[in-house]
Amino acid sequence: MDKEHRPYYVKASMIWAHKFYANHFLKPHFKSVGRGTTFAYPWNIEVFGPSITVGKYVNIIAAPGKRTSITVWPLTKAGGSITIGDYTVISHCARISAGINIDIGKNCLIAGYTYLTDCDWHDIVNRTFSGVPRPIKLEDNVWIGDNAIVCKGVTIGKNSVIGAGSVVRTDIPADSVAVGNPARVVRELDPETKYVTRENLLTTQPHDFVNNLRKLEREMLQDNTLFGWLRQVIFPTTNGR
């Protein structure tokens, strides 16, 4: 499909359905969820285990056939936990699996098909032993690229970027770009840089931003009809012709 064929009211109804499902079926599985947090295709978001905390204005995204997983399987008597900071985005097919603790800071970007795990889950010799977990920490404004893996015991410093497909096995300092398997720093960023984050976007006249977005959507979809959308769903064609 090369364009949005739904009328605005159909799209708005689907957004409402997502909110209803998330509020009724998904949010009760979290320890807490901050205001303004949204869930795309929440029926494809798996949440399991104790002490999963989500901050405010977080976006957790799934898609049809693309499941996002956030799970805690406690491996110590103290239990396990996952904390996701304010304004962070978790993209489709991301997997975050904690046995002890995964702490994700504010304004982080977790791309699609990424995997964060603080445990090996099986020992090399004793396959019935989960191994020794070690916590993961992503500091504020970290960006994890598509298909990257962040292994147990890793801390990634603030503002750092992990390249797509990288495997992070050791700590990455702040203000760095790291790529490869194992990931190594290939570029240092200016620590004096003034980053523009999702927090900047959503705290600067947030109501105007939302209202303007809705107005733009109405204008873009104003010529769409229910019949035209259904026809495109049943008989999809290029450019809707």
Protein backbone atom coordinates (compact mmCIF):
# COMPACT_ATOMS: atom_id res chain seq x y z
CA MET A 1 0.00 0.00 0.00
CA ASP A 2 1.52 3.30 -1.13
CA LYS A 3 -0.83 5.68 0.75
CA GLU A 4 -3.29 5.90 3.61
CA HIS A 5 -6.76 5.01 2.30
CA ARG A 6 -8.69 5.11 5.58
CA PRO A 7 -11.04 8.01 6.27
CA TYR A 8 -9.95 10.02 9.28
CA TYR A 9 -12.80 8.79 11.48
CA VAL A 10 -11.85 5.16 10.77
CA LYS A 11 -8.24 5.85 11.71
CA ALA A 12 -9.34 7.70 14.86
CA SER A 13 -11.58 4.76 15.80
CA MET A 14 -8.69 2.34 15.43
CA ILE A 15 -6.47 4.55 17.61
CA TRP A 16 -9.23 4.53 20.23
CA ALA A 17 -9.38 0.71 20.02
CA HIS A 18 -5.61 0.53 20.61
CA LYS A 19 -5.98 2.75 23.69
CA PHE A 20 -8.89 0.72 25.05
CA TYR A 21 -7.04 -2.57 24.65
CA ALA A 22 -3.85 -1.16 26.18
CA ASN A 23 -5.68 0.29 29.18
CA HIS A 24 -7.79 -2.79 29.80
CA PHE A 25 -5.47 -5.69 28.98
CA LEU A 26 -1.86 -4.47 28.80
CA LYS A 27 -1.24 -1.79 31.43
CA PRO A 28 -2.23 -4.03 34.37
CA HIS A 29 0.87 -6.12 33.65
CA PHE A 30 3.19 -3.17 34.39
CA LYS A 31 4.16 -2.00 37.86
CA SER A 32 3.44 1.52 36.66
CA VAL A 33 2.96 3.45 33.41
CA GLY A 34 3.51 7.20 33.14
CA ARG A 35 1.08 9.63 31.57
CA GLY A 36 1.16 10.10 27.82
CA THR A 37 2.63 6.67 27.12
CA THR A 38 1.24 5.00 24.00
CA PHE A 39 1.15 1.45 22.65
CA ALA A 40 0.87 0.67 18.92
CA TYR A 41 -0.85 -2.64 18.16
CA PRO A 42 -0.86 -3.50 21.88
CA TRP A 43 -2.19 -7.04 21.26
CA ASN A 44 1.23 -7.75 19.73
CA ILE A 45 3.11 -6.51 22.81
CA GLU A 46 4.11 -9.20 25.31
CA VAL A 47 4.65 -8.09 28.92
CA PHE A 48 5.50 -10.65 31.58
CA GLY A 49 7.02 -10.65 35.04
CA PRO A 50 7.24 -8.37 38.08
CA SER A 51 8.56 -4.84 38.45
CA ILE A 52 8.32 -3.50 34.90
CA THR A 53 8.14 0.29 35.15
CA VAL A 54 7.50 2.65 32.23
CA GLY A 55 7.93 6.42 32.42
CA LYS A 56 5.87 9.16 30.83
CA TYR A 57 5.43 9.75 27.08
CA VAL A 58 7.06 6.45 26.16
CA ASN A 59 6.12 4.87 22.81
CA ILE A 60 6.10 1.07 22.69
CA ILE A 61 5.48 -0.13 19.16
CA ALA A 62 4.46 -3.44 17.65
CA ALA A 63 2.94 -4.19 14.24
CA PRO A 64 0.89 -6.94 12.60
CA GLY A 65 3.04 -10.06 12.79
CA LYS A 66 5.83 -8.14 14.54
CA ARG A 67 5.76 -8.87 18.26
CA THR A 68 7.53 -6.74 20.85
CA SER A 69 8.55 -8.48 24.09
CA ILE A 70 9.34 -7.01 27.53
CA THR A 71 9.80 -9.77 30.10
CA VAL A 72 11.30 -10.35 33.54
CA TRP A 73 12.28 -13.87 34.63
CA PRO A 74 13.72 -13.37 38.16
CA LEU A 75 16.95 -15.32 38.73
CA THR A 76 17.74 -14.11 42.26
CA LYS A 77 15.80 -13.93 45.52
CA ALA A 78 15.80 -10.15 45.15
CA GLY A 79 13.76 -10.55 41.96
CA GLY A 80 14.23 -8.84 38.63
CA SER A 81 13.13 -5.56 37.08
CA ILE A 82 12.99 -3.46 33.93
CA THR A 83 12.81 0.34 34.01
CA ILE A 84 12.09 2.36 30.86
CA GLY A 85 12.70 6.09 31.18
CA ASP A 86 10.56 9.03 30.04
CA TYR A 87 10.21 9.81 26.30
CA THR A 88 11.87 6.58 25.19
CA VAL A 89 10.80 4.66 22.05
CA ILE A 90 10.76 0.84 21.87
CA SER A 91 10.28 -0.29 18.26
CA HIS A 92 8.65 -3.38 16.80
CA CYS A 93 10.20 -6.81 17.40
CA ALA A 94 12.49 -5.49 20.14
CA ARG A 95 13.11 -8.01 22.93
CA ILE A 96 14.04 -6.90 26.43
CA SER A 97 14.61 -9.85 28.77
CA ALA A 98 15.76 -9.35 32.36
CA GLY A 99 16.82 -11.86 34.97
CA ILE A 100 18.08 -9.23 37.38
CA ASN A 101 17.85 -5.64 36.07
CA ILE A 102 17.72 -3.66 32.83
CA ASP A 103 17.62 0.12 33.26
CA ILE A 104 16.86 2.22 30.16
CA GLY A 105 17.23 6.00 30.54
CA LYS A 106 15.26 8.94 29.19
CA ASN A 107 14.96 9.77 25.49
CA CYS A 108 16.44 6.47 24.35
CA LEU A 109 15.69 5.04 20.90
CA ILE A 110 15.51 1.23 20.73
CA ALA A 111 15.20 0.22 17.07
CA GLY A 112 13.47 -2.78 15.55
CA TYR A 113 14.69 -6.35 16.12
CA THR A 114 17.07 -5.35 18.90
CA TYR A 115 17.77 -7.67 21.85
CA LEU A 116 18.74 -6.60 25.36
CA THR A 117 19.39 -9.39 27.86
CA ASP A 118 21.19 -9.40 31.20
CA CYS A 119 21.66 -13.17 31.29
CA ASP A 120 22.91 -16.01 29.06
CA TRP A 121 19.92 -18.16 30.15
CA HIS A 122 21.97 -21.35 29.60
CA ASP A 123 25.48 -22.22 30.82
CA ILE A 124 27.98 -23.48 28.25
CA VAL A 125 28.49 -26.78 30.09
CA ASN A 126 25.43 -27.10 32.34
CA ARG A 127 22.55 -26.39 30.00
CA THR A 128 20.06 -26.53 32.91
CA PHE A 129 21.78 -23.60 34.68
CA SER A 130 20.85 -20.07 33.63
CA GLY A 131 24.27 -18.62 34.33
CA VAL A 132 25.06 -15.55 36.41
CA PRO A 133 23.06 -12.44 35.39
CA ARG A 134 24.66 -9.00 35.32
CA PRO A 135 22.59 -5.81 34.94
CA ILE A 136 22.38 -3.65 31.82
CA LYS A 137 22.21 0.14 31.94
CA LEU A 138 21.49 2.52 29.06
CA GLU A 139 22.06 6.10 30.10
CA ASP A 140 19.95 8.98 28.74
CA ASN A 141 19.59 9.59 25.00
CA VAL A 142 21.19 6.32 23.85
CA TRP A 143 20.29 5.07 20.37
CA ILE A 144 20.43 1.32 19.67
CA GLY A 145 20.33 0.53 15.94
CA ASP A 146 18.37 -2.20 14.16
CA ASN A 147 19.23 -5.82 15.00
CA ALA A 148 21.80 -4.85 17.62
CA ILE A 149 22.36 -7.06 20.68
CA VAL A 150 23.29 -5.67 24.09
CA CYS A 151 24.73 -8.37 26.33
CA LYS A 152 24.78 -8.78 30.10
CA GLY A 153 26.82 -6.46 32.29
CA VAL A 154 27.00 -3.65 29.71
CA THR A 155 26.64 0.06 30.43
CA ILE A 156 26.22 2.42 27.48
CA GLY A 157 26.98 6.05 28.26
CA LYS A 158 24.66 8.96 27.53
CA ASN A 159 24.14 10.13 23.94
CA SER A 160 25.98 7.15 22.48
CA VAL A 161 24.91 5.37 19.28
CA ILE A 162 25.18 1.64 18.62
CA GLY A 163 25.29 0.77 14.93
CA ALA A 164 22.85 -1.63 13.30
CA GLY A 165 23.71 -5.30 13.73
CA SER A 166 26.32 -4.66 16.42
CA VAL A 167 26.93 -6.96 19.39
CA VAL A 168 27.79 -4.98 22.52
CA ARG A 169 29.76 -7.08 25.00
CA THR A 170 31.66 -4.39 26.92
CA ASP A 171 30.88 -0.92 28.24
CA ILE A 172 30.61 1.92 25.73
CA PRO A 173 31.58 5.40 26.98
CA ALA A 174 29.32 8.43 26.71
CA ASP A 175 29.20 10.49 23.49
CA SER A 176 30.45 7.67 21.27
CA VAL A 177 29.48 5.77 18.13
CA ALA A 178 30.22 2.05 18.35
CA VAL A 179 29.78 -0.59 15.64
CA GLY A 180 30.71 -4.18 14.90
CA ASN A 181 30.86 -7.60 16.55
CA PRO A 182 32.15 -7.10 19.15
CA ALA A 183 31.18 -3.41 19.12
CA ARG A 184 34.05 -0.94 19.23
CA VAL A 185 34.08 2.84 19.35
CA VAL A 186 34.72 4.29 15.88
CA ARG A 187 33.83 7.91 16.54
CA GLU A 188 33.65 10.28 19.47
CA LEU A 189 30.86 12.86 19.64
CA ASP A 190 31.27 16.40 20.96
CA PRO A 191 30.07 16.30 24.59
CA GLU A 192 29.04 19.96 24.26
CA THR A 193 26.52 19.16 21.52
CA LYS A 194 22.98 20.31 22.25
CA TYR A 195 20.89 17.30 21.30
CA VAL A 196 17.28 17.65 20.16
CA THR A 197 15.32 14.88 21.86
CA ARG A 198 11.72 13.69 22.04
CA GLU A 199 11.50 15.48 25.35
CA ASN A 200 12.20 18.78 23.57
CA LEU A 201 9.42 18.04 21.11
CA LEU A 202 6.83 16.97 23.66
CA THR A 203 7.50 19.58 26.34
CA THR A 204 7.43 22.57 23.98
CA GLN A 205 3.73 23.38 23.56
CA PRO A 206 2.67 19.68 23.61
CA HIS A 207 -1.02 20.48 23.16
CA ASP A 208 -0.31 22.56 20.05
CA PHE A 209 1.82 19.72 18.67
CA VAL A 210 -0.95 17.15 19.14
CA ASN A 211 -3.67 19.47 17.79
CA ASN A 212 -1.60 20.41 14.75
CA LEU A 213 -0.88 16.73 14.05
CA ARG A 214 -4.59 15.88 14.20
CA LYS A 215 -5.43 18.82 11.93
CA LEU A 216 -2.83 17.69 9.40
CA GLU A 217 -4.19 14.13 9.43
CA ARG A 218 -7.74 15.37 8.83
CA GLU A 219 -6.57 17.43 5.87
CA MET A 220 -4.57 14.54 4.39
CA LEU A 221 -7.43 12.06 4.72
CA GLN A 222 -10.37 14.33 3.93
CA ASP A 223 -10.94 12.89 0.44
CA ASN A 224 -10.87 9.26 1.59
CA THR A 225 -14.16 7.36 1.72
CA LEU A 226 -15.24 4.23 3.54
CA PHE A 227 -16.09 2.52 0.26
CA GLY A 228 -12.72 3.44 -1.27
CA TRP A 229 -10.85 2.10 1.76
CA LEU A 230 -12.78 -1.19 1.80
CA ARG A 231 -12.25 -1.62 -1.94
CA GLN A 232 -8.50 -1.12 -1.48
CA VAL A 233 -8.42 -3.63 1.38
CA ILE A 234 -10.26 -6.30 -0.62
CA PHE A 235 -8.78 -5.52 -4.04
CA PRO A 236 -5.43 -3.77 -3.42
CA THR A 237 -4.03 -1.95 -6.43
CA THR A 238 -1.12 0.34 -7.11
CA ASN A 239 -1.89 4.00 -6.33
CA GLY A 240 -5.44 2.99 -5.38
CA ARG A 241 -6.52 2.72 -9.05
